[in-house]
Amino acid sequence: MDDPNDAVRRAQDSGDDRVRLDFSNVLFMNSTMIGNLVLAHKAAKLAGIDIVIANASPNVREVFKITRLGKLFSFEPEEES
């Protein structure tokens, strides 16, 4: 997964109003990653950019739910395997 803050900066530079973060390779989330997501959300909100989480595993989705970060981000539907 790209650094969320870099992805938001690239979206600002290109005029995009949406950032898609692919979580397909994320097995767990530590406090640093959670902090980076919060910072990216703040920057995106100020810039009018939506962050969409894609391909998050059930375990990662549970972290979003427990930390209440799930209320800050949109999620793409899970892909069928």
C-alpha atoms as a PDB file:
ATOM      1  CA  MET A   1       0.000   0.000   0.000  1.00  0.00           C
ATOM      2  CA  ASP A   2       1.179   3.502  -0.806  1.00  0.00           C
ATOM      3  CA  ASP A   3       1.745   5.958   2.016  1.00  0.00           C
ATOM      4  CA  PRO A   4      -1.713   7.504   2.502  1.00  0.00           C
ATOM      5  CA  ASN A   5      -0.292  11.002   2.926  1.00  0.00           C
ATOM      6  CA  ASP A   6       1.658  10.728  -0.336  1.00  0.00           C
ATOM      7  CA  ALA A   7      -1.476   9.510  -2.100  1.00  0.00           C
ATOM      8  CA  VAL A   8      -3.427  12.535  -0.847  1.00  0.00           C
ATOM      9  CA  ARG A   9      -0.648  14.904  -1.985  1.00  0.00           C
ATOM     10  CA  ARG A  10      -0.618  13.307  -5.449  1.00  0.00           C
ATOM     11  CA  ALA A  11      -4.407  13.690  -5.662  1.00  0.00           C
ATOM     12  CA  GLN A  12      -4.113  17.359  -4.708  1.00  0.00           C
ATOM     13  CA  ASP A  13      -1.409  17.924  -7.324  1.00  0.00           C
ATOM     14  CA  SER A  14      -3.440  16.237 -10.072  1.00  0.00           C
ATOM     15  CA  GLY A  15      -6.800  17.714  -9.059  1.00  0.00           C
ATOM     16  CA  ASP A  16      -8.374  14.362  -8.204  1.00  0.00           C
ATOM     17  CA  ASP A  17     -11.203  14.312  -5.677  1.00  0.00           C
ATOM     18  CA  ARG A  18     -10.753  10.666  -4.694  1.00  0.00           C
ATOM     19  CA  VAL A  19      -7.906   8.508  -3.383  1.00  0.00           C
ATOM     20  CA  ARG A  20      -8.138   4.711  -3.495  1.00  0.00           C
ATOM     21  CA  LEU A  21      -5.934   2.884  -0.982  1.00  0.00           C
ATOM     22  CA  ASP A  22      -5.439  -0.798  -1.826  1.00  0.00           C
ATOM     23  CA  PHE A  23      -5.191  -2.844   1.365  1.00  0.00           C
ATOM     24  CA  SER A  24      -4.847  -6.232  -0.364  1.00  0.00           C
ATOM     25  CA  ASN A  25      -1.312  -6.706   1.023  1.00  0.00           C
ATOM     26  CA  VAL A  26      -2.082  -5.411   4.525  1.00  0.00           C
ATOM     27  CA  LEU A  27      -2.260  -8.221   7.064  1.00  0.00           C
ATOM     28  CA  PHE A  28      -2.395  -6.098  10.214  1.00  0.00           C
ATOM     29  CA  MET A  29      -2.403  -2.450  11.214  1.00  0.00           C
ATOM     30  CA  ASN A  30      -0.097  -0.989  13.844  1.00  0.00           C
ATOM     31  CA  SER A  31      -0.426   2.333  15.626  1.00  0.00           C
ATOM     32  CA  THR A  32       1.847   4.089  13.123  1.00  0.00           C
ATOM     33  CA  MET A  33      -0.361   3.073  10.222  1.00  0.00           C
ATOM     34  CA  ILE A  34      -3.479   4.164  12.112  1.00  0.00           C
ATOM     35  CA  GLY A  35      -1.860   7.536  12.853  1.00  0.00           C
ATOM     36  CA  ASN A  36      -0.900   7.987   9.192  1.00  0.00           C
ATOM     37  CA  LEU A  37      -4.464   7.243   8.131  1.00  0.00           C
ATOM     38  CA  VAL A  38      -5.817   9.843  10.564  1.00  0.00           C
ATOM     39  CA  LEU A  39      -3.360  12.460   9.244  1.00  0.00           C
ATOM     40  CA  ALA A  40      -4.229  11.575   5.652  1.00  0.00           C
ATOM     41  CA  HIS A  41      -7.943  11.865   6.423  1.00  0.00           C
ATOM     42  CA  LYS A  42      -7.447  15.344   7.898  1.00  0.00           C
ATOM     43  CA  ALA A  43      -5.457  16.527   4.867  1.00  0.00           C
ATOM     44  CA  ALA A  44      -7.932  14.955   2.444  1.00  0.00           C
ATOM     45  CA  LYS A  45     -10.915  16.501   4.184  1.00  0.00           C
ATOM     46  CA  LEU A  46      -9.349  19.971   3.997  1.00  0.00           C
ATOM     47  CA  ALA A  47      -8.658  19.441   0.282  1.00  0.00           C
ATOM     48  CA  GLY A  48     -12.125  18.046  -0.497  1.00  0.00           C
ATOM     49  CA  ILE A  49     -10.756  14.595  -1.305  1.00  0.00           C
ATOM     50  CA  ASP A  50     -12.480  11.319  -0.396  1.00  0.00           C
ATOM     51  CA  ILE A  51     -10.357   8.356   0.675  1.00  0.00           C
ATOM     52  CA  VAL A  52     -11.664   4.934  -0.324  1.00  0.00           C
ATOM     53  CA  ILE A  53     -10.318   1.750   1.249  1.00  0.00           C
ATOM     54  CA  ALA A  54     -10.159  -1.191  -1.167  1.00  0.00           C
ATOM     55  CA  ASN A  55      -9.540  -4.903  -0.665  1.00  0.00           C
ATOM     56  CA  ALA A  56      -9.361  -4.798   3.136  1.00  0.00           C
ATOM     57  CA  SER A  57      -9.385  -8.218   4.771  1.00  0.00           C
ATOM     58  CA  PRO A  58     -11.972  -9.010   7.442  1.00  0.00           C
ATOM     59  CA  ASN A  59      -9.292  -8.609  10.140  1.00  0.00           C
ATOM     60  CA  VAL A  60      -8.277  -5.191   8.855  1.00  0.00           C
ATOM     61  CA  ARG A  61     -11.936  -4.142   8.580  1.00  0.00           C
ATOM     62  CA  GLU A  62     -12.339  -5.158  12.222  1.00  0.00           C
ATOM     63  CA  VAL A  63      -9.496  -2.794  13.187  1.00  0.00           C
ATOM     64  CA  PHE A  64     -11.292   0.014  11.353  1.00  0.00           C
ATOM     65  CA  LYS A  65     -14.456  -0.854  13.270  1.00  0.00           C
ATOM     66  CA  ILE A  66     -12.804  -1.105  16.707  1.00  0.00           C
ATOM     67  CA  THR A  67     -10.883   2.152  16.276  1.00  0.00           C
ATOM     68  CA  ARG A  68     -13.934   3.863  14.761  1.00  0.00           C
ATOM     69  CA  LEU A  69     -11.877   4.806  11.725  1.00  0.00           C
ATOM     70  CA  GLY A  70     -14.517   3.064   9.649  1.00  0.00           C
ATOM     71  CA  LYS A  71     -16.678   6.156  10.061  1.00  0.00           C
ATOM     72  CA  LEU A  72     -14.030   8.334   8.384  1.00  0.00           C
ATOM     73  CA  PHE A  73     -13.486   6.295   5.222  1.00  0.00           C
ATOM     74  CA  SER A  74     -15.521   4.741   2.439  1.00  0.00           C
ATOM     75  CA  PHE A  75     -14.978   1.077   1.606  1.00  0.00           C
ATOM     76  CA  GLU A  76     -15.158  -0.635  -1.751  1.00  0.00           C
ATOM     77  CA  PRO A  77     -17.109  -3.877  -1.662  1.00  0.00           C
ATOM     78  CA  GLU A  78     -15.005  -6.955  -1.055  1.00  0.00           C
ATOM     79  CA  GLU A  79     -13.926  -8.774  -4.186  1.00  0.00           C
ATOM     80  CA  GLU A  80     -15.041 -12.354  -4.656  1.00  0.00           C
ATOM     81  CA  SER A  81     -12.175 -14.863  -4.757  1.00  0.00           C
END
